[in-house]
N, C-alpha and C. Protein backbone atom coordinates (compact mmCIF):
# COMPACT_ATOMS: atom_id res chain seq x y z
N MET A 1 -38.61 -5.84 -43.32
CA MET A 1 -38.62 -4.40 -43.15
C MET A 1 -37.19 -3.89 -43.33
N ASN A 2 -37.08 -2.84 -44.08
CA ASN A 2 -35.81 -2.14 -44.22
C ASN A 2 -35.94 -0.80 -43.52
N SER A 3 -34.93 -0.43 -42.75
CA SER A 3 -34.98 0.85 -42.05
C SER A 3 -33.69 1.63 -42.27
N LEU A 4 -33.82 2.93 -42.20
CA LEU A 4 -32.71 3.84 -42.39
C LEU A 4 -32.80 4.91 -41.30
N GLU A 5 -31.72 5.09 -40.55
CA GLU A 5 -31.70 6.15 -39.53
C GLU A 5 -31.53 7.47 -40.26
N ILE A 6 -32.52 8.36 -40.12
CA ILE A 6 -32.47 9.66 -40.80
C ILE A 6 -32.18 10.80 -39.84
N ASN A 7 -32.09 10.49 -38.55
CA ASN A 7 -31.72 11.48 -37.54
C ASN A 7 -31.06 10.74 -36.39
N ALA A 8 -29.92 11.21 -35.95
CA ALA A 8 -29.15 10.52 -34.92
C ALA A 8 -29.69 10.79 -33.52
N SER A 9 -29.44 9.84 -32.64
CA SER A 9 -29.77 10.02 -31.22
C SER A 9 -29.10 11.29 -30.71
N GLY A 10 -29.79 12.02 -29.85
CA GLY A 10 -29.25 13.23 -29.26
C GLY A 10 -29.47 14.49 -30.10
N ASN A 11 -29.93 14.35 -31.34
CA ASN A 11 -30.13 15.49 -32.22
C ASN A 11 -31.64 15.76 -32.36
N PHE A 12 -32.08 16.90 -31.83
CA PHE A 12 -33.49 17.26 -31.91
C PHE A 12 -33.72 18.46 -32.83
N GLU A 13 -32.69 18.87 -33.59
CA GLU A 13 -32.80 20.06 -34.43
C GLU A 13 -33.86 19.92 -35.51
N SER A 14 -34.06 18.73 -36.06
CA SER A 14 -35.04 18.54 -37.13
C SER A 14 -36.45 18.23 -36.60
N TRP A 15 -36.58 18.13 -35.29
CA TRP A 15 -37.88 17.81 -34.69
C TRP A 15 -38.79 19.03 -34.68
N SER A 16 -40.09 18.80 -34.85
CA SER A 16 -41.05 19.89 -34.74
C SER A 16 -41.24 20.22 -33.25
N PRO A 17 -41.47 21.50 -32.94
CA PRO A 17 -41.69 21.88 -31.54
C PRO A 17 -42.84 21.12 -30.88
N SER A 18 -43.87 20.77 -31.65
CA SER A 18 -45.02 20.07 -31.05
C SER A 18 -44.62 18.67 -30.56
N LYS A 19 -43.74 17.99 -31.27
CA LYS A 19 -43.30 16.64 -30.85
C LYS A 19 -42.42 16.73 -29.60
N ILE A 20 -41.56 17.73 -29.55
CA ILE A 20 -40.71 17.93 -28.37
C ILE A 20 -41.59 18.27 -27.16
N ARG A 21 -42.57 19.14 -27.37
CA ARG A 21 -43.50 19.53 -26.29
C ARG A 21 -44.27 18.29 -25.79
N GLU A 22 -44.70 17.46 -26.73
CA GLU A 22 -45.43 16.24 -26.36
C GLU A 22 -44.59 15.36 -25.42
N LEU A 23 -43.31 15.23 -25.73
CA LEU A 23 -42.42 14.45 -24.85
C LEU A 23 -42.21 15.15 -23.50
N LYS A 24 -41.94 16.44 -23.54
CA LYS A 24 -41.69 17.19 -22.30
C LYS A 24 -42.89 17.21 -21.37
N GLU A 25 -44.09 17.26 -21.95
CA GLU A 25 -45.32 17.28 -21.15
C GLU A 25 -45.74 15.88 -20.73
N ASN A 26 -44.92 14.91 -21.10
CA ASN A 26 -45.15 13.51 -20.72
C ASN A 26 -46.50 12.99 -21.22
N LYS A 27 -46.86 13.41 -22.43
CA LYS A 27 -48.10 12.93 -23.06
C LYS A 27 -47.80 11.61 -23.76
N ILE A 28 -47.61 10.59 -22.96
CA ILE A 28 -47.14 9.30 -23.48
C ILE A 28 -48.11 8.21 -23.04
N SER A 29 -48.58 7.46 -24.01
CA SER A 29 -49.53 6.38 -23.74
C SER A 29 -48.79 5.11 -23.34
N ASN A 30 -49.43 4.29 -22.54
CA ASN A 30 -48.92 2.96 -22.23
C ASN A 30 -49.52 1.90 -23.16
N ASP A 31 -50.43 2.33 -24.04
CA ASP A 31 -51.06 1.40 -24.97
C ASP A 31 -50.13 1.15 -26.15
N LEU A 32 -49.97 -0.09 -26.50
CA LEU A 32 -49.10 -0.45 -27.62
C LEU A 32 -49.75 -0.11 -28.96
N GLY A 33 -51.06 -0.20 -29.04
CA GLY A 33 -51.78 0.08 -30.29
C GLY A 33 -52.99 0.94 -30.06
N GLN A 34 -53.82 1.05 -31.09
CA GLN A 34 -55.04 1.86 -31.00
C GLN A 34 -56.21 1.07 -30.43
N ASN A 35 -56.33 -0.18 -30.86
CA ASN A 35 -57.47 -1.00 -30.47
C ASN A 35 -57.00 -2.27 -29.79
N LEU A 36 -57.48 -2.51 -28.58
CA LEU A 36 -57.18 -3.74 -27.86
C LEU A 36 -58.18 -4.80 -28.30
N LEU A 37 -57.68 -5.83 -28.98
CA LEU A 37 -58.55 -6.88 -29.51
C LEU A 37 -58.79 -8.01 -28.53
N PHE A 38 -57.80 -8.29 -27.66
CA PHE A 38 -57.90 -9.41 -26.73
C PHE A 38 -56.93 -9.18 -25.59
N GLU A 39 -57.32 -9.63 -24.39
CA GLU A 39 -56.42 -9.56 -23.24
C GLU A 39 -56.73 -10.69 -22.29
N ASN A 40 -55.68 -11.31 -21.76
CA ASN A 40 -55.81 -12.24 -20.66
C ASN A 40 -54.65 -11.99 -19.69
N GLU A 41 -54.41 -12.89 -18.76
CA GLU A 41 -53.37 -12.66 -17.75
C GLU A 41 -51.96 -12.69 -18.34
N ASN A 42 -51.79 -13.21 -19.55
CA ASN A 42 -50.46 -13.36 -20.14
C ASN A 42 -50.14 -12.39 -21.27
N LEU A 43 -51.16 -11.96 -22.01
CA LEU A 43 -50.87 -11.15 -23.19
C LEU A 43 -52.02 -10.24 -23.56
N ARG A 44 -51.67 -9.27 -24.42
CA ARG A 44 -52.65 -8.38 -25.03
C ARG A 44 -52.40 -8.43 -26.54
N ILE A 45 -53.47 -8.44 -27.30
CA ILE A 45 -53.35 -8.38 -28.75
C ILE A 45 -53.93 -7.04 -29.20
N TRP A 46 -53.11 -6.28 -29.91
CA TRP A 46 -53.46 -4.93 -30.34
C TRP A 46 -53.58 -4.86 -31.85
N GLU A 47 -54.33 -3.86 -32.30
CA GLU A 47 -54.44 -3.55 -33.72
C GLU A 47 -54.00 -2.09 -33.91
N VAL A 48 -53.27 -1.85 -35.00
CA VAL A 48 -52.90 -0.49 -35.39
C VAL A 48 -53.30 -0.32 -36.85
N VAL A 49 -54.08 0.72 -37.12
CA VAL A 49 -54.47 1.07 -38.48
C VAL A 49 -54.17 2.56 -38.64
N LEU A 50 -53.25 2.88 -39.56
CA LEU A 50 -52.88 4.26 -39.80
C LEU A 50 -53.14 4.64 -41.25
N LEU A 51 -53.97 5.64 -41.46
CA LEU A 51 -54.19 6.20 -42.79
C LEU A 51 -52.96 7.00 -43.20
N PRO A 52 -52.79 7.32 -44.47
CA PRO A 52 -51.65 8.15 -44.87
C PRO A 52 -51.58 9.42 -44.04
N ASN A 53 -50.38 9.72 -43.55
CA ASN A 53 -50.07 10.89 -42.70
C ASN A 53 -50.67 10.81 -41.31
N GLU A 54 -51.31 9.72 -40.95
CA GLU A 54 -51.82 9.55 -39.59
C GLU A 54 -50.69 9.06 -38.69
N ARG A 55 -50.79 9.40 -37.41
CA ARG A 55 -49.71 9.12 -36.47
C ARG A 55 -50.25 8.47 -35.20
N LEU A 56 -49.53 7.46 -34.75
CA LEU A 56 -49.75 6.86 -33.44
C LEU A 56 -48.84 7.63 -32.48
N PRO A 57 -49.40 8.36 -31.50
CA PRO A 57 -48.58 9.19 -30.62
C PRO A 57 -47.54 8.38 -29.85
N PHE A 58 -46.66 9.10 -29.17
CA PHE A 58 -45.63 8.45 -28.37
C PHE A 58 -46.25 7.45 -27.41
N ARG A 59 -45.59 6.33 -27.26
CA ARG A 59 -46.05 5.31 -26.32
C ARG A 59 -44.84 4.73 -25.61
N LYS A 60 -45.11 4.30 -24.41
CA LYS A 60 -44.07 3.74 -23.55
C LYS A 60 -44.13 2.23 -23.66
N ILE A 61 -43.02 1.64 -24.09
CA ILE A 61 -42.93 0.19 -24.28
C ILE A 61 -41.96 -0.36 -23.25
N ASN A 62 -42.46 -1.25 -22.39
CA ASN A 62 -41.57 -1.86 -21.39
C ASN A 62 -41.80 -3.36 -21.26
N MET A 63 -42.54 -3.93 -22.21
CA MET A 63 -42.75 -5.38 -22.23
C MET A 63 -42.42 -5.90 -23.63
N ASP A 64 -41.95 -7.13 -23.68
CA ASP A 64 -41.66 -7.75 -24.97
C ASP A 64 -42.92 -7.80 -25.81
N TYR A 65 -42.73 -7.69 -27.13
CA TYR A 65 -43.88 -7.81 -28.03
C TYR A 65 -43.43 -8.29 -29.40
N SER A 66 -44.39 -8.80 -30.14
CA SER A 66 -44.14 -9.16 -31.53
C SER A 66 -45.17 -8.43 -32.39
N TRP A 67 -44.82 -8.22 -33.65
CA TRP A 67 -45.74 -7.55 -34.56
C TRP A 67 -45.67 -8.22 -35.92
N VAL A 68 -46.75 -8.05 -36.68
CA VAL A 68 -46.80 -8.50 -38.06
C VAL A 68 -47.54 -7.42 -38.85
N SER A 69 -47.01 -7.11 -40.04
CA SER A 69 -47.65 -6.13 -40.90
C SER A 69 -48.58 -6.84 -41.88
N LEU A 70 -49.77 -6.33 -41.99
CA LEU A 70 -50.75 -6.90 -42.92
C LEU A 70 -50.83 -6.11 -44.22
N THR A 71 -50.00 -5.04 -44.32
CA THR A 71 -49.95 -4.22 -45.53
C THR A 71 -48.51 -3.80 -45.80
N THR A 72 -48.31 -3.18 -46.94
CA THR A 72 -47.01 -2.63 -47.35
C THR A 72 -47.08 -1.11 -47.26
N GLY A 73 -45.97 -0.48 -46.84
CA GLY A 73 -45.98 0.97 -46.78
C GLY A 73 -44.69 1.56 -46.24
N MET A 74 -44.73 2.86 -45.98
CA MET A 74 -43.61 3.63 -45.45
C MET A 74 -44.03 4.29 -44.14
N ALA A 75 -43.10 4.34 -43.21
CA ALA A 75 -43.40 4.98 -41.92
C ALA A 75 -42.13 5.60 -41.36
N ILE A 76 -42.32 6.54 -40.43
CA ILE A 76 -41.20 7.02 -39.63
C ILE A 76 -41.55 6.79 -38.17
N SER A 77 -40.51 6.62 -37.39
CA SER A 77 -40.68 6.45 -35.95
C SER A 77 -39.66 7.35 -35.26
N ARG A 78 -40.16 8.18 -34.35
CA ARG A 78 -39.31 9.08 -33.57
C ARG A 78 -39.13 8.49 -32.18
N TYR A 79 -37.89 8.43 -31.73
CA TYR A 79 -37.57 7.88 -30.42
C TYR A 79 -37.29 9.03 -29.45
N ALA A 80 -37.56 8.81 -28.18
CA ALA A 80 -37.41 9.86 -27.17
C ALA A 80 -35.98 10.37 -27.04
N ASP A 81 -35.01 9.61 -27.54
CA ASP A 81 -33.61 10.06 -27.48
C ASP A 81 -33.21 10.90 -28.68
N GLY A 82 -34.17 11.15 -29.61
CA GLY A 82 -33.90 11.98 -30.77
C GLY A 82 -33.78 11.22 -32.08
N LYS A 83 -33.51 9.93 -32.00
CA LYS A 83 -33.34 9.14 -33.22
C LYS A 83 -34.65 9.08 -34.00
N ILE A 84 -34.53 9.14 -35.33
CA ILE A 84 -35.69 8.96 -36.21
C ILE A 84 -35.33 7.90 -37.25
N LEU A 85 -36.21 6.92 -37.41
CA LEU A 85 -36.03 5.87 -38.40
C LEU A 85 -37.07 6.02 -39.50
N LEU A 86 -36.63 5.84 -40.75
CA LEU A 86 -37.51 5.73 -41.90
C LEU A 86 -37.59 4.25 -42.23
N MET A 87 -38.81 3.71 -42.35
CA MET A 87 -38.98 2.27 -42.54
C MET A 87 -39.79 1.97 -43.79
N ARG A 88 -39.33 1.00 -44.55
CA ARG A 88 -40.08 0.43 -45.66
C ARG A 88 -40.60 -0.91 -45.17
N ILE A 89 -41.91 -1.03 -45.06
CA ILE A 89 -42.53 -2.21 -44.47
C ILE A 89 -43.23 -2.99 -45.57
N GLU A 90 -43.00 -4.29 -45.61
CA GLU A 90 -43.64 -5.16 -46.59
C GLU A 90 -44.73 -5.98 -45.90
N LYS A 91 -45.78 -6.29 -46.63
CA LYS A 91 -46.82 -7.17 -46.10
C LYS A 91 -46.17 -8.48 -45.65
N GLY A 92 -46.48 -8.91 -44.43
CA GLY A 92 -45.92 -10.13 -43.88
C GLY A 92 -44.67 -9.94 -43.06
N ASP A 93 -44.07 -8.74 -43.08
CA ASP A 93 -42.92 -8.48 -42.21
C ASP A 93 -43.34 -8.68 -40.77
N SER A 94 -42.44 -9.22 -39.98
CA SER A 94 -42.73 -9.44 -38.56
C SER A 94 -41.43 -9.40 -37.77
N ALA A 95 -41.57 -9.21 -36.48
CA ALA A 95 -40.40 -9.18 -35.60
C ALA A 95 -40.83 -9.43 -34.17
N PHE A 96 -39.89 -9.89 -33.37
CA PHE A 96 -40.06 -9.99 -31.92
C PHE A 96 -39.10 -8.98 -31.32
N LEU A 97 -39.61 -8.12 -30.42
CA LEU A 97 -38.79 -7.09 -29.81
C LEU A 97 -38.74 -7.33 -28.30
N SER A 98 -37.53 -7.47 -27.80
CA SER A 98 -37.33 -7.71 -26.38
C SER A 98 -36.90 -6.42 -25.70
N CYS A 99 -37.60 -6.07 -24.65
CA CYS A 99 -37.27 -4.84 -23.91
C CYS A 99 -36.12 -5.05 -22.92
N LYS A 100 -35.89 -6.28 -22.53
CA LYS A 100 -34.79 -6.61 -21.61
C LYS A 100 -34.79 -5.69 -20.38
N GLU A 101 -35.96 -5.57 -19.76
CA GLU A 101 -36.13 -4.79 -18.53
C GLU A 101 -35.90 -3.29 -18.73
N LYS A 102 -35.92 -2.80 -19.97
CA LYS A 102 -35.77 -1.38 -20.26
C LYS A 102 -37.10 -0.82 -20.72
N THR A 103 -37.18 0.50 -20.82
CA THR A 103 -38.36 1.18 -21.33
C THR A 103 -37.96 1.98 -22.56
N TYR A 104 -38.76 1.87 -23.61
CA TYR A 104 -38.54 2.61 -24.84
C TYR A 104 -39.75 3.49 -25.10
N ILE A 105 -39.50 4.68 -25.64
CA ILE A 105 -40.57 5.60 -25.98
C ILE A 105 -40.40 6.01 -27.43
N TYR A 106 -41.45 5.78 -28.24
CA TYR A 106 -41.40 6.18 -29.64
C TYR A 106 -42.81 6.28 -30.21
N ASP A 107 -42.91 6.92 -31.37
CA ASP A 107 -44.18 7.05 -32.07
C ASP A 107 -44.10 6.30 -33.39
N LEU A 108 -45.16 6.36 -34.18
CA LEU A 108 -45.17 5.75 -35.51
C LEU A 108 -46.08 6.59 -36.39
N GLU A 109 -45.55 7.02 -37.54
CA GLU A 109 -46.33 7.85 -38.45
C GLU A 109 -46.29 7.25 -39.85
N ASN A 110 -47.46 7.13 -40.46
CA ASN A 110 -47.58 6.61 -41.81
C ASN A 110 -47.15 7.70 -42.79
N LYS A 111 -46.08 7.45 -43.54
CA LYS A 111 -45.58 8.41 -44.52
C LYS A 111 -45.83 7.95 -45.95
N GLY A 112 -46.58 6.88 -46.10
CA GLY A 112 -46.87 6.36 -47.43
C GLY A 112 -48.22 6.81 -47.95
N ASP A 113 -48.60 6.26 -49.09
CA ASP A 113 -49.86 6.62 -49.74
C ASP A 113 -50.99 5.64 -49.43
N ASP A 114 -50.67 4.56 -48.71
CA ASP A 114 -51.65 3.52 -48.41
C ASP A 114 -51.79 3.32 -46.91
N ILE A 115 -52.82 2.63 -46.51
CA ILE A 115 -53.07 2.32 -45.10
C ILE A 115 -51.99 1.37 -44.58
N LEU A 116 -51.52 1.62 -43.36
CA LEU A 116 -50.66 0.67 -42.64
C LEU A 116 -51.53 -0.07 -41.63
N PHE A 117 -51.38 -1.38 -41.58
CA PHE A 117 -52.22 -2.22 -40.72
C PHE A 117 -51.33 -3.25 -40.06
N PHE A 118 -51.30 -3.26 -38.72
CA PHE A 118 -50.46 -4.16 -37.94
C PHE A 118 -51.29 -4.89 -36.88
N HIS A 119 -50.86 -6.08 -36.53
CA HIS A 119 -51.29 -6.77 -35.31
C HIS A 119 -50.05 -6.94 -34.44
N LEU A 120 -50.23 -6.65 -33.15
CA LEU A 120 -49.14 -6.74 -32.19
C LEU A 120 -49.57 -7.61 -31.03
N THR A 121 -48.66 -8.42 -30.54
CA THR A 121 -48.91 -9.24 -29.36
C THR A 121 -47.94 -8.78 -28.27
N GLU A 122 -48.48 -8.25 -27.19
CA GLU A 122 -47.70 -7.76 -26.06
C GLU A 122 -47.71 -8.82 -24.97
N PHE A 123 -46.53 -9.19 -24.51
CA PHE A 123 -46.41 -10.22 -23.49
C PHE A 123 -46.31 -9.55 -22.12
N LYS A 124 -47.38 -9.67 -21.33
CA LYS A 124 -47.48 -9.00 -20.04
C LYS A 124 -46.49 -9.58 -19.03
N HIS A 125 -45.85 -8.69 -18.30
CA HIS A 125 -44.96 -9.09 -17.20
C HIS A 125 -43.89 -10.07 -17.64
N GLN A 126 -43.53 -9.99 -18.90
CA GLN A 126 -42.50 -10.87 -19.47
C GLN A 126 -42.86 -12.34 -19.26
N THR A 127 -44.16 -12.65 -19.26
CA THR A 127 -44.61 -14.02 -18.98
C THR A 127 -44.16 -15.03 -20.01
N ILE A 128 -43.82 -14.59 -21.21
CA ILE A 128 -43.41 -15.56 -22.23
C ILE A 128 -42.18 -16.35 -21.77
N LYS A 129 -41.31 -15.72 -20.99
CA LYS A 129 -40.07 -16.37 -20.57
C LYS A 129 -40.32 -17.60 -19.71
N LYS A 130 -41.39 -17.60 -18.92
CA LYS A 130 -41.63 -18.74 -18.04
C LYS A 130 -42.09 -19.98 -18.80
N TYR A 131 -42.52 -19.79 -20.06
CA TYR A 131 -42.98 -20.92 -20.86
C TYR A 131 -41.90 -21.50 -21.76
N LEU A 132 -40.76 -20.83 -21.84
CA LEU A 132 -39.70 -21.27 -22.73
C LEU A 132 -38.56 -21.92 -21.95
N PRO A 133 -37.95 -22.97 -22.49
CA PRO A 133 -36.75 -23.53 -21.86
C PRO A 133 -35.66 -22.46 -21.82
N ALA A 134 -34.78 -22.55 -20.85
CA ALA A 134 -33.75 -21.54 -20.64
C ALA A 134 -32.83 -21.37 -21.85
N ASP A 135 -32.65 -22.42 -22.65
CA ASP A 135 -31.71 -22.33 -23.77
C ASP A 135 -32.36 -21.83 -25.07
N VAL A 136 -33.65 -21.46 -25.04
CA VAL A 136 -34.33 -20.98 -26.24
C VAL A 136 -34.15 -19.47 -26.34
N ARG A 137 -33.74 -19.01 -27.53
CA ARG A 137 -33.61 -17.58 -27.81
C ARG A 137 -34.59 -17.21 -28.90
N LEU A 138 -35.34 -16.15 -28.70
CA LEU A 138 -36.30 -15.68 -29.70
C LEU A 138 -35.59 -14.72 -30.65
N LYS A 139 -35.83 -14.89 -31.93
CA LYS A 139 -35.21 -14.03 -32.94
C LYS A 139 -36.28 -13.42 -33.81
N SER A 140 -35.95 -12.24 -34.40
CA SER A 140 -36.86 -11.66 -35.36
C SER A 140 -36.66 -12.30 -36.72
N LYS A 141 -37.72 -12.22 -37.50
CA LYS A 141 -37.64 -12.67 -38.88
C LYS A 141 -36.75 -11.70 -39.65
N LYS A 142 -35.74 -12.20 -40.31
CA LYS A 142 -34.83 -11.37 -41.07
C LYS A 142 -35.44 -11.05 -42.43
N PRO A 143 -35.43 -9.76 -42.84
CA PRO A 143 -35.97 -9.45 -44.15
C PRO A 143 -35.05 -9.98 -45.25
N SER A 144 -35.66 -10.37 -46.36
CA SER A 144 -34.86 -10.83 -47.48
C SER A 144 -34.33 -9.63 -48.25
N ASN A 145 -33.26 -9.81 -48.98
CA ASN A 145 -32.66 -8.72 -49.74
C ASN A 145 -33.08 -8.78 -51.21
N ASN A 146 -34.30 -9.19 -51.47
CA ASN A 146 -34.79 -9.28 -52.86
C ASN A 146 -35.30 -7.95 -53.33
């Protein structure tokens, strides 16, 4: 995945009033995706399918998760601090995101001409850490520069 910051943190001038209102009214989901495919005491597996111009509303992320893209496309993501990222996503792109005891709020909107399709694995209560030796560090897959 390649990303480009198109709006800096702290700057809400380019934001639509409806997105600002959505944040102010605290209309924020705790669901990582649209469809919960599986859940047990350790993890949840989510599916996200976005048609062109469709948007996954703001969601509150406070647990580590990994994702994999099953399609190629373009998206933007707005963060609660004002930052906006434009992303070029390739089929097979994946990453592990660690919250490190913090909470992040952001949305995801398909800005391409094709469907975006993701699978996400959310690690409940940071349970993944108890299964790993202390010296193991999880890293995201680095995109190639081809």
